[in-house]
Amino acid sequence: MARYRVGNRFLSQAEFDDEQDAKWIGGLFLIGALVTGFLLHRYLVNPEWHKAIRFAVTVIPALGMGILLACLHHIVRMLLSLAFILAIIALVIGIIVSLI
């Protein structure tokens, strides 16, 4: 059974996986909420609207997107891993093609 040391604690495999998932969930929530909020505020919100309406139109969908990304963190991690592997394969193919 694997034991992982995190700070002053020793964690089992399941506890360590839960801690890593929590980091991914928090990061994806922040990224999703910030990017969505920025894009909505920049392209959708009319500056002439009342401040409360602008706030609601920006924040509520941003929080929803952050929660959605946090819920789909396994799929996002898989897609990021796949993109990284495909980038490495493309780099290797590009090097081979340039040598031929």
N, C-alpha and C. Protein backbone atom coordinates (compact mmCIF):
# COMPACT_ATOMS: atom_id res chain seq x y z
N MET A 1 0.84 -1.17 0.00
CA MET A 1 0.00 0.00 0.00
C MET A 1 0.89 1.24 0.00
N ALA A 2 0.62 2.12 -0.93
CA ALA A 2 1.44 3.31 -1.07
C ALA A 2 1.08 4.34 0.00
N ARG A 3 2.10 4.99 0.51
CA ARG A 3 1.92 6.07 1.46
C ARG A 3 2.59 7.32 0.90
N TYR A 4 1.92 8.44 0.98
CA TYR A 4 2.45 9.68 0.46
C TYR A 4 2.58 10.67 1.60
N ARG A 5 3.70 11.39 1.60
CA ARG A 5 3.90 12.41 2.62
C ARG A 5 3.53 13.76 2.02
N VAL A 6 2.57 14.41 2.66
CA VAL A 6 2.14 15.74 2.24
C VAL A 6 2.21 16.63 3.49
N GLY A 7 3.20 17.51 3.51
CA GLY A 7 3.40 18.33 4.70
C GLY A 7 3.84 17.45 5.85
N ASN A 8 3.11 17.49 6.94
CA ASN A 8 3.42 16.66 8.11
C ASN A 8 2.50 15.45 8.20
N ARG A 9 1.79 15.14 7.13
CA ARG A 9 0.84 14.03 7.15
C ARG A 9 1.28 12.94 6.19
N PHE A 10 0.94 11.70 6.54
CA PHE A 10 1.12 10.57 5.64
C PHE A 10 -0.26 10.14 5.15
N LEU A 11 -0.43 10.09 3.83
CA LEU A 11 -1.73 9.80 3.25
C LEU A 11 -1.71 8.48 2.50
N SER A 12 -2.85 7.79 2.52
CA SER A 12 -3.00 6.59 1.70
C SER A 12 -3.23 7.02 0.26
N GLN A 13 -3.28 6.05 -0.65
CA GLN A 13 -3.47 6.36 -2.07
C GLN A 13 -4.80 7.08 -2.30
N ALA A 14 -5.87 6.62 -1.67
CA ALA A 14 -7.18 7.25 -1.86
C ALA A 14 -7.19 8.68 -1.31
N GLU A 15 -6.60 8.89 -0.14
CA GLU A 15 -6.55 10.23 0.44
C GLU A 15 -5.71 11.17 -0.42
N PHE A 16 -4.60 10.66 -0.95
CA PHE A 16 -3.74 11.47 -1.81
C PHE A 16 -4.46 11.84 -3.10
N ASP A 17 -5.19 10.88 -3.69
CA ASP A 17 -5.96 11.16 -4.91
C ASP A 17 -7.04 12.20 -4.65
N ASP A 18 -7.71 12.11 -3.50
CA ASP A 18 -8.72 13.10 -3.14
C ASP A 18 -8.11 14.49 -3.00
N GLU A 19 -6.93 14.57 -2.41
CA GLU A 19 -6.28 15.87 -2.25
C GLU A 19 -5.86 16.45 -3.60
N GLN A 20 -5.35 15.61 -4.49
CA GLN A 20 -4.99 16.08 -5.82
C GLN A 20 -6.22 16.52 -6.60
N ASP A 21 -7.32 15.77 -6.48
CA ASP A 21 -8.57 16.15 -7.14
C ASP A 21 -9.07 17.50 -6.62
N ALA A 22 -8.93 17.73 -5.33
CA ALA A 22 -9.38 19.00 -4.75
C ALA A 22 -8.59 20.16 -5.33
N LYS A 23 -7.30 19.98 -5.57
CA LYS A 23 -6.50 21.04 -6.18
C LYS A 23 -6.96 21.30 -7.61
N TRP A 24 -7.23 20.25 -8.37
CA TRP A 24 -7.70 20.42 -9.74
C TRP A 24 -9.07 21.09 -9.77
N ILE A 25 -9.95 20.66 -8.87
CA ILE A 25 -11.30 21.23 -8.83
C ILE A 25 -11.24 22.72 -8.52
N GLY A 26 -10.45 23.10 -7.54
CA GLY A 26 -10.33 24.51 -7.19
C GLY A 26 -9.74 25.34 -8.32
N GLY A 27 -8.70 24.82 -8.95
CA GLY A 27 -8.08 25.54 -10.06
C GLY A 27 -9.00 25.68 -11.25
N LEU A 28 -9.69 24.60 -11.61
CA LEU A 28 -10.61 24.67 -12.74
C LEU A 28 -11.78 25.60 -12.46
N PHE A 29 -12.27 25.61 -11.22
CA PHE A 29 -13.35 26.53 -10.87
C PHE A 29 -12.90 27.97 -11.05
N LEU A 30 -11.71 28.30 -10.53
CA LEU A 30 -11.21 29.66 -10.64
C LEU A 30 -10.99 30.07 -12.10
N ILE A 31 -10.36 29.20 -12.87
CA ILE A 31 -10.10 29.51 -14.28
C ILE A 31 -11.41 29.68 -15.04
N GLY A 32 -12.34 28.77 -14.86
CA GLY A 32 -13.62 28.85 -15.57
C GLY A 32 -14.41 30.09 -15.19
N ALA A 33 -14.45 30.40 -13.90
CA ALA A 33 -15.21 31.56 -13.45
C ALA A 33 -14.57 32.86 -13.92
N LEU A 34 -13.25 32.97 -13.81
CA LEU A 34 -12.58 34.22 -14.21
C LEU A 34 -12.64 34.46 -15.71
N VAL A 35 -12.36 33.43 -16.49
CA VAL A 35 -12.39 33.60 -17.95
C VAL A 35 -13.80 33.90 -18.43
N THR A 36 -14.78 33.17 -17.93
CA THR A 36 -16.16 33.42 -18.33
C THR A 36 -16.63 34.80 -17.90
N GLY A 37 -16.32 35.19 -16.69
CA GLY A 37 -16.70 36.52 -16.22
C GLY A 37 -16.06 37.62 -17.04
N PHE A 38 -14.78 37.46 -17.36
CA PHE A 38 -14.09 38.47 -18.18
C PHE A 38 -14.72 38.58 -19.57
N LEU A 39 -14.95 37.43 -20.21
CA LEU A 39 -15.51 37.45 -21.56
C LEU A 39 -16.94 38.01 -21.57
N LEU A 40 -17.73 37.64 -20.59
CA LEU A 40 -19.10 38.16 -20.53
C LEU A 40 -19.09 39.67 -20.30
N HIS A 41 -18.25 40.11 -19.38
CA HIS A 41 -18.21 41.54 -19.08
C HIS A 41 -17.70 42.35 -20.27
N ARG A 42 -16.77 41.79 -20.99
CA ARG A 42 -16.17 42.53 -22.11
C ARG A 42 -17.09 42.57 -23.33
N TYR A 43 -17.74 41.45 -23.66
CA TYR A 43 -18.46 41.37 -24.92
C TYR A 43 -19.99 41.40 -24.80
N LEU A 44 -20.55 41.13 -23.64
CA LEU A 44 -22.00 41.02 -23.53
C LEU A 44 -22.64 42.15 -22.74
N VAL A 45 -21.98 42.60 -21.70
CA VAL A 45 -22.58 43.56 -20.78
C VAL A 45 -22.53 44.97 -21.38
N ASN A 46 -23.67 45.63 -21.37
CA ASN A 46 -23.79 47.00 -21.85
C ASN A 46 -23.45 47.94 -20.69
N PRO A 47 -22.52 48.87 -20.87
CA PRO A 47 -22.17 49.79 -19.77
C PRO A 47 -23.32 50.67 -19.29
N GLU A 48 -24.37 50.80 -20.08
CA GLU A 48 -25.51 51.65 -19.69
C GLU A 48 -26.50 50.91 -18.79
N TRP A 49 -26.33 49.61 -18.62
CA TRP A 49 -27.22 48.85 -17.75
C TRP A 49 -26.99 49.25 -16.30
N HIS A 50 -27.98 48.98 -15.47
CA HIS A 50 -27.86 49.24 -14.04
C HIS A 50 -26.76 48.34 -13.46
N LYS A 51 -26.11 48.83 -12.42
CA LYS A 51 -24.96 48.11 -11.85
C LYS A 51 -25.35 46.71 -11.36
N ALA A 52 -26.51 46.56 -10.75
CA ALA A 52 -26.94 45.25 -10.25
C ALA A 52 -27.17 44.27 -11.40
N ILE A 53 -27.72 44.75 -12.50
CA ILE A 53 -27.96 43.88 -13.66
C ILE A 53 -26.63 43.46 -14.28
N ARG A 54 -25.70 44.41 -14.42
CA ARG A 54 -24.39 44.06 -14.96
C ARG A 54 -23.70 43.03 -14.08
N PHE A 55 -23.79 43.21 -12.76
CA PHE A 55 -23.18 42.27 -11.83
C PHE A 55 -23.79 40.88 -11.97
N ALA A 56 -25.12 40.81 -12.02
CA ALA A 56 -25.80 39.52 -12.12
C ALA A 56 -25.49 38.82 -13.44
N VAL A 57 -25.50 39.60 -14.55
CA VAL A 57 -25.24 39.01 -15.87
C VAL A 57 -23.80 38.52 -15.97
N THR A 58 -22.89 39.11 -15.22
CA THR A 58 -21.50 38.68 -15.26
C THR A 58 -21.22 37.55 -14.29
N VAL A 59 -21.69 37.66 -13.06
CA VAL A 59 -21.28 36.73 -12.00
C VAL A 59 -22.03 35.40 -12.05
N ILE A 60 -23.31 35.41 -12.28
CA ILE A 60 -24.09 34.16 -12.21
C ILE A 60 -23.63 33.15 -13.28
N PRO A 61 -23.50 33.54 -14.56
CA PRO A 61 -22.98 32.56 -15.53
C PRO A 61 -21.53 32.17 -15.27
N ALA A 62 -20.73 33.11 -14.74
CA ALA A 62 -19.33 32.79 -14.43
C ALA A 62 -19.26 31.72 -13.34
N LEU A 63 -20.06 31.86 -12.32
CA LEU A 63 -20.09 30.83 -11.27
C LEU A 63 -20.60 29.50 -11.82
N GLY A 64 -21.60 29.56 -12.68
CA GLY A 64 -22.12 28.33 -13.29
C GLY A 64 -21.06 27.61 -14.11
N MET A 65 -20.30 28.37 -14.90
CA MET A 65 -19.25 27.74 -15.71
C MET A 65 -18.14 27.19 -14.83
N GLY A 66 -17.81 27.91 -13.77
CA GLY A 66 -16.80 27.39 -12.84
C GLY A 66 -17.24 26.09 -12.20
N ILE A 67 -18.49 26.02 -11.80
CA ILE A 67 -19.02 24.79 -11.19
C ILE A 67 -19.06 23.66 -12.22
N LEU A 68 -19.44 23.98 -13.46
CA LEU A 68 -19.48 22.96 -14.51
C LEU A 68 -18.08 22.39 -14.76
N LEU A 69 -17.08 23.25 -14.87
CA LEU A 69 -15.72 22.76 -15.08
C LEU A 69 -15.24 21.95 -13.88
N ALA A 70 -15.60 22.36 -12.68
CA ALA A 70 -15.20 21.61 -11.49
C ALA A 70 -15.84 20.23 -11.48
N CYS A 71 -17.09 20.14 -11.92
CA CYS A 71 -17.77 18.84 -11.96
C CYS A 71 -17.19 17.92 -13.02
N LEU A 72 -16.69 18.49 -14.09
CA LEU A 72 -16.14 17.70 -15.19
C LEU A 72 -14.61 17.63 -15.14
N HIS A 73 -14.04 17.69 -13.93
CA HIS A 73 -12.57 17.78 -13.82
C HIS A 73 -11.87 16.53 -14.34
N HIS A 74 -12.48 15.37 -14.25
CA HIS A 74 -11.83 14.16 -14.78
C HIS A 74 -11.71 14.23 -16.31
N ILE A 75 -12.77 14.70 -16.96
CA ILE A 75 -12.75 14.83 -18.42
C ILE A 75 -11.75 15.89 -18.84
N VAL A 76 -11.71 17.01 -18.12
CA VAL A 76 -10.76 18.08 -18.45
C VAL A 76 -9.33 17.60 -18.29
N ARG A 77 -9.06 16.86 -17.23
CA ARG A 77 -7.70 16.32 -17.03
C ARG A 77 -7.33 15.36 -18.15
N MET A 78 -8.28 14.53 -18.57
CA MET A 78 -8.02 13.59 -19.66
C MET A 78 -7.74 14.34 -20.96
N LEU A 79 -8.54 15.37 -21.26
CA LEU A 79 -8.34 16.14 -22.48
C LEU A 79 -7.01 16.90 -22.47
N LEU A 80 -6.63 17.45 -21.31
CA LEU A 80 -5.33 18.12 -21.22
C LEU A 80 -4.18 17.14 -21.40
N SER A 81 -4.30 15.96 -20.83
CA SER A 81 -3.27 14.93 -21.03
C SER A 81 -3.18 14.52 -22.49
N LEU A 82 -4.32 14.34 -23.12
CA LEU A 82 -4.34 13.97 -24.53
C LEU A 82 -3.72 15.06 -25.39
N ALA A 83 -4.03 16.33 -25.10
CA ALA A 83 -3.46 17.44 -25.85
C ALA A 83 -1.94 17.49 -25.68
N PHE A 84 -1.46 17.23 -24.48
CA PHE A 84 -0.02 17.23 -24.22
C PHE A 84 0.67 16.10 -24.99
N ILE A 85 0.08 14.92 -24.98
CA ILE A 85 0.66 13.78 -25.70
C ILE A 85 0.66 14.05 -27.21
N LEU A 86 -0.44 14.59 -27.72
CA LEU A 86 -0.50 14.90 -29.15
C LEU A 86 0.49 16.00 -29.54
N ALA A 87 0.74 16.95 -28.65
CA ALA A 87 1.74 17.99 -28.93
C ALA A 87 3.14 17.38 -29.01
N ILE A 88 3.43 16.44 -28.13
CA ILE A 88 4.73 15.77 -28.18
C ILE A 88 4.87 14.96 -29.45
N ILE A 89 3.82 14.23 -29.83
CA ILE A 89 3.86 13.45 -31.06
C ILE A 89 4.04 14.37 -32.28
N ALA A 90 3.34 15.50 -32.31
CA ALA A 90 3.49 16.44 -33.41
C ALA A 90 4.90 17.01 -33.46
N LEU A 91 5.49 17.27 -32.31
CA LEU A 91 6.87 17.77 -32.26
C LEU A 91 7.84 16.73 -32.81
N VAL A 92 7.67 15.48 -32.42
CA VAL A 92 8.55 14.41 -32.91
C VAL A 92 8.37 14.24 -34.41
N ILE A 93 7.14 14.24 -34.89
CA ILE A 93 6.90 14.10 -36.33
C ILE A 93 7.50 15.29 -37.08
N GLY A 94 7.36 16.49 -36.54
CA GLY A 94 7.94 17.67 -37.16
C GLY A 94 9.45 17.59 -37.25
N ILE A 95 10.09 17.09 -36.22
CA ILE A 95 11.55 16.92 -36.24
C ILE A 95 11.95 15.89 -37.26
N ILE A 96 11.23 14.77 -37.32
CA ILE A 96 11.54 13.72 -38.29
C ILE A 96 11.35 14.23 -39.72
N VAL A 97 10.28 14.97 -39.96
CA VAL A 97 10.01 15.51 -41.31
C VAL A 97 11.09 16.51 -41.71
N SER A 98 11.56 17.33 -40.77
CA SER A 98 12.59 18.30 -41.10
C SER A 98 13.94 17.65 -41.37
N LEU A 99 14.16 16.45 -40.85
CA LEU A 99 15.42 15.73 -41.09
C LEU A 99 15.41 15.00 -42.43
N ILE A 100 14.23 14.70 -42.94
CA ILE A 100 14.14 13.94 -44.20
C ILE A 100 14.35 14.82 -45.38
